[in-house]
Protein backbone atom coordinates (compact mmCIF):
# COMPACT_ATOMS: atom_id res chain seq x y z
CA MET A 1 -17.63 -11.75 -20.18
CA ALA A 2 -16.23 -10.27 -23.03
CA ALA A 3 -12.92 -9.44 -23.11
CA ARG A 4 -11.42 -5.86 -23.25
CA ALA A 5 -9.56 -5.09 -25.97
CA GLY A 6 -6.04 -5.60 -25.75
CA VAL A 7 -6.57 -8.17 -22.79
CA SER A 8 -6.41 -11.37 -23.39
CA THR A 9 -8.54 -14.48 -21.32
CA VAL A 10 -8.82 -18.40 -20.74
CA SER A 11 -11.90 -19.80 -20.87
CA GLU A 12 -13.55 -22.25 -18.24
CA ALA A 13 -12.76 -25.00 -20.98
CA ASN A 14 -8.48 -24.10 -20.93
CA VAL A 15 -7.97 -24.68 -17.62
CA VAL A 16 -5.25 -26.83 -17.07
CA ARG A 17 -5.93 -30.07 -14.46
CA THR A 18 -3.64 -33.00 -13.41
CA PRO A 19 -4.96 -36.19 -13.76
CA GLY A 20 -6.29 -35.86 -10.11
CA GLN A 21 -8.58 -32.98 -11.55
CA LYS A 22 -6.60 -30.33 -9.23
CA ILE A 23 -6.62 -27.00 -10.55
CA LEU A 24 -3.12 -25.63 -11.59
CA GLU A 25 -3.88 -21.91 -11.98
CA SER A 26 -5.25 -21.69 -8.14
CA ILE A 27 -3.65 -18.47 -7.48
CA LEU A 28 -5.48 -15.18 -8.27
CA HIS A 29 -4.16 -11.67 -7.64
CA VAL A 30 -6.96 -9.00 -7.21
CA ASP A 31 -5.63 -5.32 -7.81
CA MET A 32 -8.24 -2.35 -7.55
CA ASP A 33 -7.52 0.02 -10.11
CA ALA A 34 -6.39 3.72 -9.50
CA PHE A 35 -8.03 2.91 -6.24
CA TYR A 36 -7.62 6.14 -4.44
CA ALA A 37 -8.42 7.96 -6.99
CA SER A 38 -11.71 5.98 -7.99
CA VAL A 39 -12.61 6.55 -4.55
CA GLU A 40 -12.54 10.12 -5.18
CA VAL A 41 -14.97 9.77 -7.71
CA LEU A 42 -17.58 7.77 -5.82
CA LYS A 43 -17.36 10.28 -3.50
CA ASP A 44 -18.13 12.93 -6.06
CA ALA A 45 -19.78 11.61 -9.12
CA SER A 46 -18.85 15.10 -11.12
CA LEU A 47 -15.40 13.90 -11.25
CA ALA A 48 -16.65 11.15 -13.60
CA GLY A 49 -14.50 11.00 -16.91
CA LYS A 50 -11.81 13.90 -15.22
CA PRO A 51 -8.29 13.46 -14.38
CA VAL A 52 -8.30 12.86 -11.10
CA VAL A 53 -4.76 13.42 -9.19
CA VAL A 54 -4.67 12.11 -5.18
CA GLY A 55 -1.58 13.82 -3.60
CA GLY A 56 0.29 16.36 -4.69
CA THR A 57 -2.07 19.46 -3.17
CA GLY A 58 1.11 20.96 -1.46
CA THR A 59 4.31 22.34 -3.59
CA ARG A 60 6.97 19.28 -2.46
CA GLY A 61 3.77 16.81 -3.08
CA VAL A 62 3.63 13.58 -5.11
CA VAL A 63 1.28 11.57 -6.89
CA MET A 64 -0.41 9.03 -4.57
CA SER A 65 -3.27 8.05 -7.32
CA ALA A 66 -4.15 9.24 -10.39
CA SER A 67 -6.97 8.00 -12.60
CA TYR A 68 -6.77 6.54 -16.02
CA GLU A 69 -7.94 10.06 -17.73
CA ALA A 70 -4.80 11.41 -15.71
CA ARG A 71 -2.73 8.42 -16.78
CA ALA A 72 -3.38 9.35 -20.08
CA TYR A 73 -1.31 12.89 -19.73
CA GLY A 74 1.93 10.86 -18.77
CA ILE A 75 1.12 11.35 -14.75
CA ARG A 76 1.83 8.34 -12.66
CA ASN A 77 2.41 7.48 -8.90
CA ALA A 78 5.15 8.91 -6.86
CA MET A 79 5.50 11.81 -9.72
CA PRO A 80 6.54 15.14 -8.32
CA ALA A 81 3.46 17.22 -7.92
CA VAL A 82 5.25 20.11 -10.09
CA ARG A 83 5.60 17.77 -13.13
CA ALA A 84 2.11 16.46 -12.92
CA ARG A 85 1.09 19.67 -13.09
CA ARG A 86 2.81 20.49 -15.97
CA LEU A 87 2.04 17.42 -17.96
CA CYS A 88 -1.77 18.02 -17.18
CA PRO A 89 -2.78 21.76 -15.69
CA ASP A 90 -6.37 20.81 -15.96
CA ALA A 91 -6.05 17.75 -13.68
CA VAL A 92 -8.37 18.11 -10.45
CA PHE A 93 -5.93 17.49 -7.22
CA MET A 94 -7.20 16.08 -4.17
CA PRO A 95 -6.38 15.83 -1.06
CA PRO A 96 -5.96 11.88 0.28
CA ASP A 97 -8.72 10.90 2.39
CA PHE A 98 -7.38 7.88 4.24
CA GLU A 99 -10.92 7.31 6.50
CA SER A 100 -12.25 6.60 3.04
CA TYR A 101 -9.65 4.27 1.50
CA GLN A 102 -9.56 2.32 4.82
CA ALA A 103 -13.28 1.83 4.94
CA HIS A 104 -13.51 1.14 1.16
CA SER A 105 -10.82 -1.59 1.85
CA ASN A 106 -12.39 -3.35 4.65
CA ARG A 107 -15.25 -4.04 2.28
CA PHE A 108 -12.96 -5.21 -0.17
CA ARG A 109 -11.41 -7.69 2.08
CA GLU A 110 -14.70 -8.85 3.30
CA ILE A 111 -15.60 -9.48 -0.43
CA LEU A 112 -12.52 -11.57 -0.82
CA LEU A 113 -12.83 -13.60 2.28
CA ALA A 114 -16.68 -14.65 1.22
CA ILE A 115 -14.77 -16.75 -1.32
CA THR A 116 -11.63 -18.27 0.17
CA PRO A 117 -10.00 -17.68 3.90
CA THR A 118 -6.83 -17.84 2.23
CA VAL A 119 -6.18 -14.06 1.57
CA GLU A 120 -3.10 -12.49 1.70
CA PRO A 121 -3.34 -8.61 1.41
CA ILE A 122 -0.62 -6.56 -0.15
CA SER A 123 -1.70 -3.06 0.49
CA LEU A 124 -5.04 -1.68 0.94
CA ASP A 125 -6.07 -2.25 -2.39
CA GLU A 126 -4.59 -5.62 -3.98
CA ALA A 127 -4.18 -9.43 -2.41
CA PHE A 128 -3.93 -12.42 -3.09
CA LEU A 129 -5.87 -15.50 -2.99
CA ASP A 130 -5.64 -19.43 -3.06
CA VAL A 131 -8.63 -20.77 -4.36
CA SER A 132 -7.68 -24.23 -4.27
CA GLY A 133 -10.35 -24.93 -2.03
CA ALA A 134 -13.05 -22.99 -3.54
CA TYR A 135 -13.68 -24.43 -6.62
CA LEU A 136 -16.57 -27.27 -5.38
CA LEU A 137 -18.77 -23.87 -4.72
CA PHE A 138 -17.81 -21.67 -7.15
CA GLY A 139 -16.19 -23.40 -10.30
CA ALA A 140 -12.84 -22.87 -11.42
CA PRO A 141 -10.70 -20.16 -10.68
CA VAL A 142 -11.38 -18.10 -13.96
CA ALA A 143 -14.88 -18.36 -12.96
CA ILE A 144 -14.17 -17.31 -9.81
CA ALA A 145 -11.77 -14.53 -10.50
CA GLU A 146 -15.30 -13.41 -12.77
CA LYS A 147 -17.06 -13.35 -9.71
CA VAL A 148 -14.63 -11.77 -7.87
CA ARG A 149 -14.70 -8.38 -10.54
CA ARG A 150 -18.48 -8.51 -10.57
CA ASP A 151 -18.72 -8.68 -6.58
CA VAL A 152 -16.18 -5.78 -6.15
CA ARG A 153 -17.64 -3.70 -8.74
CA ASP A 154 -21.35 -4.23 -7.34
CA GLY A 155 -20.30 -4.55 -3.90
CA ILE A 156 -18.08 -1.33 -3.92
CA GLY A 157 -18.09 0.34 -7.26
CA ILE A 158 -14.79 0.50 -8.35
CA ALA A 159 -13.28 -1.67 -11.31
CA CYS A 160 -10.57 -4.02 -10.32
CA SER A 161 -8.30 -5.73 -12.12
CA VAL A 162 -7.85 -9.88 -11.51
CA GLY A 163 -4.87 -12.41 -12.87
CA VAL A 164 -4.94 -15.72 -12.39
CA GLY A 165 -2.11 -18.30 -12.75
CA PRO A 166 -0.37 -21.12 -11.13
CA THR A 167 1.96 -19.15 -8.73
CA LYS A 168 1.96 -15.61 -6.75
CA LEU A 169 4.51 -14.07 -9.14
CA VAL A 170 2.62 -15.11 -12.53
CA ALA A 171 -1.00 -14.02 -10.87
CA LYS A 172 0.76 -10.59 -10.18
CA LEU A 173 2.01 -10.08 -13.54
CA ALA A 174 -1.17 -11.27 -14.94
CA SER A 175 -3.36 -8.76 -13.33
CA ARG A 176 -0.69 -5.94 -14.37
CA LYS A 177 -1.55 -7.25 -17.62
CA ALA A 178 -5.16 -7.15 -17.75
CA LYS A 179 -5.48 -3.66 -16.45
CA PRO A 180 -7.52 -1.56 -16.77
CA ASP A 181 -10.42 -3.19 -16.05
CA GLY A 182 -9.39 -6.74 -17.23
CA LEU A 183 -8.84 -10.46 -16.70
CA VAL A 184 -6.02 -12.48 -17.89
CA ALA A 185 -5.54 -16.00 -17.06
CA VAL A 186 -2.07 -18.12 -17.40
CA THR A 187 -2.21 -21.70 -17.21
CA GLY A 188 0.56 -23.88 -16.01
CA GLU A 189 1.54 -24.67 -19.58
CA ASP A 190 1.36 -21.18 -21.06
CA VAL A 191 3.97 -20.04 -18.08
CA ASP A 192 6.86 -20.13 -20.23
CA ALA A 193 5.71 -18.26 -22.99
CA PHE A 194 4.07 -15.27 -21.08
CA LEU A 195 6.95 -15.00 -19.01
CA THR A 196 9.92 -14.85 -21.67
CA PRO A 197 8.80 -11.47 -23.75
CA LEU A 198 8.29 -9.38 -20.38
CA PRO A 199 11.10 -7.30 -19.61
CA ALA A 200 13.45 -8.07 -16.60
CA ARG A 201 12.30 -5.58 -14.87
CA ALA A 202 9.32 -6.83 -14.71
CA LEU A 203 10.25 -10.03 -12.09
CA TRP A 204 10.10 -9.02 -8.14
CA GLY A 205 14.02 -8.43 -6.99
CA VAL A 206 15.19 -6.70 -10.26
CA GLY A 207 14.86 -2.99 -9.24
CA GLU A 208 16.87 -0.01 -11.41
CA LYS A 209 20.71 -1.43 -10.36
CA THR A 210 20.40 -4.90 -10.92
CA ALA A 211 18.60 -4.34 -14.53
CA GLU A 212 21.38 -2.00 -15.17
CA LEU A 213 23.55 -4.93 -14.23
CA LEU A 214 21.58 -7.46 -16.11
CA SER A 215 22.22 -4.99 -19.00
CA ARG A 216 25.39 -5.59 -19.18
CA LEU A 217 25.29 -8.97 -20.11
CA GLY A 218 22.76 -8.38 -22.85
CA VAL A 219 19.97 -9.64 -20.18
CA ARG A 220 16.52 -7.66 -20.67
CA THR A 221 14.15 -10.40 -20.96
CA VAL A 222 12.95 -12.70 -19.02
CA GLY A 223 13.96 -15.18 -21.20
CA ASP A 224 17.05 -13.95 -21.37
CA LEU A 225 17.60 -13.88 -17.79
CA ALA A 226 16.12 -17.77 -17.84
CA ARG A 227 18.73 -18.74 -20.32
CA THR A 228 21.58 -17.07 -18.39
CA PRO A 229 23.49 -19.80 -16.08
CA PRO A 230 22.99 -19.05 -12.34
CA ALA A 231 26.99 -18.98 -12.10
CA VAL A 232 27.43 -16.08 -14.58
CA LEU A 233 24.50 -14.37 -12.82
CA ALA A 234 26.07 -14.96 -9.52
CA ARG A 235 29.48 -12.74 -10.52
CA LEU A 236 27.04 -9.81 -10.61
CA VAL A 237 24.28 -10.22 -7.95
CA GLY A 238 25.65 -12.95 -5.55
CA GLU A 239 25.11 -16.82 -5.47
CA GLN A 240 21.66 -16.16 -3.64
CA GLN A 241 19.88 -13.67 -6.00
CA ALA A 242 21.03 -15.18 -8.70
CA THR A 243 19.33 -18.22 -8.07
CA ASN A 244 15.86 -16.64 -7.16
CA LEU A 245 15.73 -14.58 -10.30
CA ASN A 246 16.72 -17.65 -12.10
CA ASP A 247 14.16 -19.70 -10.76
CA LEU A 248 11.37 -16.98 -10.87
CA ALA A 249 12.48 -16.48 -14.60
CA ARG A 250 11.56 -19.83 -15.34
CA GLY A 251 8.77 -19.79 -13.63
CA ILE A 252 9.59 -21.47 -10.31
CA ASP A 253 7.72 -19.70 -7.53
CA SER A 254 7.28 -21.77 -3.91
CA ARG A 255 6.03 -19.09 -2.47
CA ARG A 256 2.35 -20.14 -0.81
CA VAL A 257 -0.24 -17.35 -0.39
CA VAL A 258 -0.25 -16.53 3.64
CA ALA A 259 -3.62 -15.84 5.23
CA TYR A 260 -3.37 -12.23 7.02
CA GLU A 261 -0.70 -11.89 8.98
CA ALA A 262 -0.72 -8.82 11.66
CA PRO A 263 1.14 -5.70 10.80
CA LYS A 264 4.75 -4.95 11.88
CA SER A 265 4.43 -1.18 12.57
CA VAL A 266 1.57 1.57 12.50
CA SER A 267 3.30 4.79 11.03
CA HIS A 268 2.63 8.51 10.12
CA GLU A 269 4.90 11.34 8.44
CA GLU A 270 4.17 14.40 6.56
CA THR A 271 6.26 16.07 4.35
CA PHE A 272 5.85 19.99 4.69
CA ASP A 273 4.79 22.48 2.07
CA ARG A 274 7.54 24.60 3.78
CA ASP A 275 10.69 23.73 5.91
CA LEU A 276 9.66 24.04 9.46
CA ASP A 277 12.31 25.78 12.41
CA ASP A 278 10.03 26.64 15.21
CA HIS A 279 10.13 24.25 17.80
CA GLU A 280 6.78 24.50 19.48
CA GLU A 281 5.08 24.17 15.72
CA LEU A 282 7.34 21.01 15.14
CA LEU A 283 6.37 19.71 18.69
CA ARG A 284 2.82 20.62 17.49
CA GLU A 285 3.18 18.07 14.06
CA ILE A 286 4.78 15.12 16.01
CA LEU A 287 1.59 15.49 18.27
CA ALA A 288 -0.41 15.69 15.63
CA LEU A 289 1.49 12.25 14.25
CA SER A 290 1.21 10.67 17.60
CA GLN A 291 -2.39 11.55 17.48
CA LYS A 292 -2.90 9.37 14.25
CA VAL A 293 -0.30 6.62 14.96
CA GLY A 294 -2.47 5.84 18.83
CA ALA A 295 -5.75 6.47 16.92
CA ARG A 296 -4.42 3.26 14.20
CA LEU A 297 -3.13 1.32 17.37
CA ARG A 298 -6.59 1.32 19.17
CA GLU A 299 -8.77 0.97 16.17
CA ASP A 300 -6.74 -1.98 15.01
CA GLY A 301 -6.39 -3.58 18.60
CA TYR A 302 -2.49 -3.11 18.78
CA ARG A 303 0.14 -1.88 21.35
CA ALA A 304 3.70 -0.56 21.11
CA ARG A 305 6.76 -1.35 22.66
CA THR A 306 8.67 0.83 20.21
CA VAL A 307 8.21 4.16 19.33
CA THR A 308 10.30 5.38 16.68
CA LEU A 309 10.94 9.42 15.35
CA LYS A 310 11.86 10.20 11.84
CA VAL A 311 12.98 13.50 10.86
CA ARG A 312 14.37 14.53 7.82
CA LEU A 313 16.06 17.96 7.73
CA ALA A 314 16.17 20.57 4.77
CA ASN A 315 19.53 19.25 3.34
CA PHE A 316 17.70 15.73 3.20
CA THR A 317 19.48 14.39 5.75
CA THR A 318 17.37 11.74 7.87
CA LEU A 319 17.54 11.17 10.94
CA THR A 320 15.85 8.46 13.40
CA ARG A 321 15.50 7.46 17.04
CA SER A 322 14.12 4.51 18.64
CA ARG A 323 12.54 4.19 21.99
CA THR A 324 11.53 1.18 24.29
CA THR A 325 8.29 1.77 25.90
CA ASP A 326 7.65 0.10 29.71
CA PRO A 327 4.53 -1.39 29.23
CA PRO A 328 3.81 -1.60 25.52
CA THR A 329 1.08 1.49 24.93
CA ASP A 330 -1.62 2.53 22.35
CA VAL A 331 -1.86 6.18 23.86
CA ALA A 332 -0.90 9.01 21.81
CA ALA A 333 0.08 11.11 24.89
CA ASP A 334 2.41 8.38 25.91
CA LEU A 335 3.81 8.31 21.99
CA TYR A 336 4.25 11.99 21.93
CA HIS A 337 5.85 11.87 25.18
CA HIS A 338 8.66 9.30 23.79
CA ALA A 339 9.17 11.04 20.31
CA SER A 340 9.25 14.40 22.07
CA GLU A 341 11.84 13.78 23.80
CA MET A 342 13.86 12.25 21.34
CA PHE A 343 13.35 15.25 19.27
CA ARG A 344 14.65 17.43 21.94
CA ALA A 345 17.70 15.36 22.12
CA LEU A 346 18.59 15.78 18.45
CA PRO A 347 22.15 17.60 18.10
CA GLY A 348 21.89 21.18 16.95
CA ALA A 349 19.80 24.15 17.02
CA ARG A 350 16.90 25.76 15.13
CA ARG A 351 17.13 23.01 12.43
CA ARG A 352 15.21 23.26 9.63
CA VAL A 353 12.94 20.33 8.53
CA ARG A 354 11.20 18.91 5.75
CA LEU A 355 9.29 15.83 7.02
CA LEU A 356 8.30 14.49 10.26
CA GLY A 357 7.28 11.14 10.96
CA VAL A 358 6.32 8.92 14.13
CA ALA A 359 6.23 5.12 14.03
CA ALA A 360 4.93 2.57 16.47
CA THR A 361 6.79 -0.91 16.14
CA GLY A 362 6.72 -4.59 18.30
CA LEU A 363 3.25 -4.45 18.62
CA LEU A 364 1.31 -6.73 20.23
CA ALA A 365 -2.58 -7.62 20.26
CA ALA A 366 -4.30 -5.81 23.17
CA GLY A 367 -5.71 -8.74 24.39
CA GLU A 368 -2.45 -9.94 25.52
CA GLN A 369 -1.47 -7.61 28.29
CA GLN A 370 -4.11 -6.95 31.60
CA LEU A 371 -4.96 -3.65 30.93
CA ALA A 372 -5.82 -2.42 34.37
CA LEU A 373 -1.97 -3.32 35.40
CA LEU A 374 -1.22 -0.51 32.24
CA ARG A 375 -0.02 2.64 33.32
CA GLY A 376 -1.57 5.72 32.30
CA GLU A 377 -5.23 4.29 31.86
CA ARG A 378 -6.63 8.04 32.38
CA TRP A 379 -5.44 8.94 29.13
CA SER A 380 -6.28 5.93 27.16
CA ASP A 381 -9.70 6.48 28.43
CA VAL A 382 -9.59 10.31 27.38
CA GLU A 383 -8.34 8.90 23.72
CA ARG A 384 -11.12 6.12 23.50
CA ALA A 385 -13.69 9.12 23.90
CA VAL A 386 -11.95 11.55 21.29
CA ASP A 387 -12.31 8.40 19.07
CA ARG A 388 -15.90 7.60 20.13
CA ILE A 389 -16.37 11.21 19.12
CA ASP A 390 -14.58 11.25 15.49
CA LYS A 391 -16.99 8.29 14.82
CA ARG A 392 -20.17 9.95 15.47
CA PHE A 393 -18.84 13.62 14.37
CA GLY A 394 -16.04 12.70 11.69
CA LEU A 395 -12.52 12.94 11.98
CA GLY A 396 -11.03 16.05 14.29
CA SER A 397 -14.41 16.76 16.09
CA ALA A 398 -11.86 16.44 18.81
CA MET A 399 -8.59 17.43 19.25
CA PRO A 400 -6.32 18.33 22.13
CA ALA A 401 -6.02 22.17 22.59
CA ALA A 402 -2.71 22.58 21.67
CA LEU A 403 -3.80 21.27 18.20
CA LEU A 404 -6.04 24.07 17.75
CA ASP A 405 -3.59 26.87 16.73
CA ARG A 406 -2.30 24.17 14.51
CA ARG A 407 -5.65 23.49 12.68
CA ARG A 408 -6.59 27.31 12.23
CA GLU A 409 -3.16 27.98 10.43
CA ARG A 410 -3.81 24.76 8.17
CA ARG A 411 -7.11 26.47 7.25
CA GLY A 412 -5.77 30.24 6.99
CA SER A 413 -3.47 28.69 4.60
CA SER A 414 -5.92 26.57 2.50
CA ASP A 415 -8.15 29.62 3.08
CA ARG A 416 -4.98 32.06 1.28
CA GLY A 417 -4.45 29.44 -1.48
């Protein structure tokens, strides 16, 4: 396969092996390019070649994904929508369609699992793979990386970038360098040469604040960091972090690829186009969020032991309240009962709310419980029936009557826009 301009590849002949023929760079990091935006282009071919931005459809929204055509104008993820529109007035802004993204992500996961069971999902569109047990079937790691790229493109219709390396850090940084639609492989003997010129910010654990501290020592690149004694670093960032950063800078990363782990939480939140202060309207929003969380719990096969409410006020003060449920639940009516009670108990009156969120944590597999002993099974039956209706006729085909006015208001607002 030809290399893209500006992207280096390593031929299979250059793969480093130990005397025992163990392939060193057995870790892959696979990342689908501009995933949300790419899915929108798949759904509507007329968007191909246009600057597409997912998110930012409201006045307060932020960019969730941008096609590479949009990135050419300087648009980046997490950028305020107002700024993105200034940079590219002709950009096509699309609301997120998480149902479609999840469906494509599921197919992505299936493709990776067909190669190795050791797949560690990081998000909907990226994952680590340990292919040390797969090269007898599919060839050297670089050949496997090429296969992943072909299978993802053929099976999903989206380009992906792949990094190959002896550690998770190196593989992740290699895939970043490979973007878009490329492959970069770093052999064990080339790790130092690969890492040394990178900015220190490239390493895990080096955020804006840490980078500023390091710059005071004249540490700007990974190479600078590798040459700085941990004892000197410890004065700025603490002993443990100093040791970790120095190890990473020298290519030492003992973390293994961990196969799929159960999620720790399921949550949904929404930032509103305008501050809301009507009590009943806010309760309807909490109900809508509870419905989404409950549906996700049932789809993934979990029940929650704790419900958390998040409220961000107009002055950006954030309030969180949590409550343990007994027994654990996946029923939206239960989630709403707890979340609404916590909301009503918040101090103050006529609060102006910018953001609401509902989260379910302390997850248990539904099979771990005796369903017949759980409370609220009538509601559970009703909500599972709604799940089936949504799957057959589309999301939002059935909903609580209390949310009908909310949908009409949203549609009316959209029509006026």
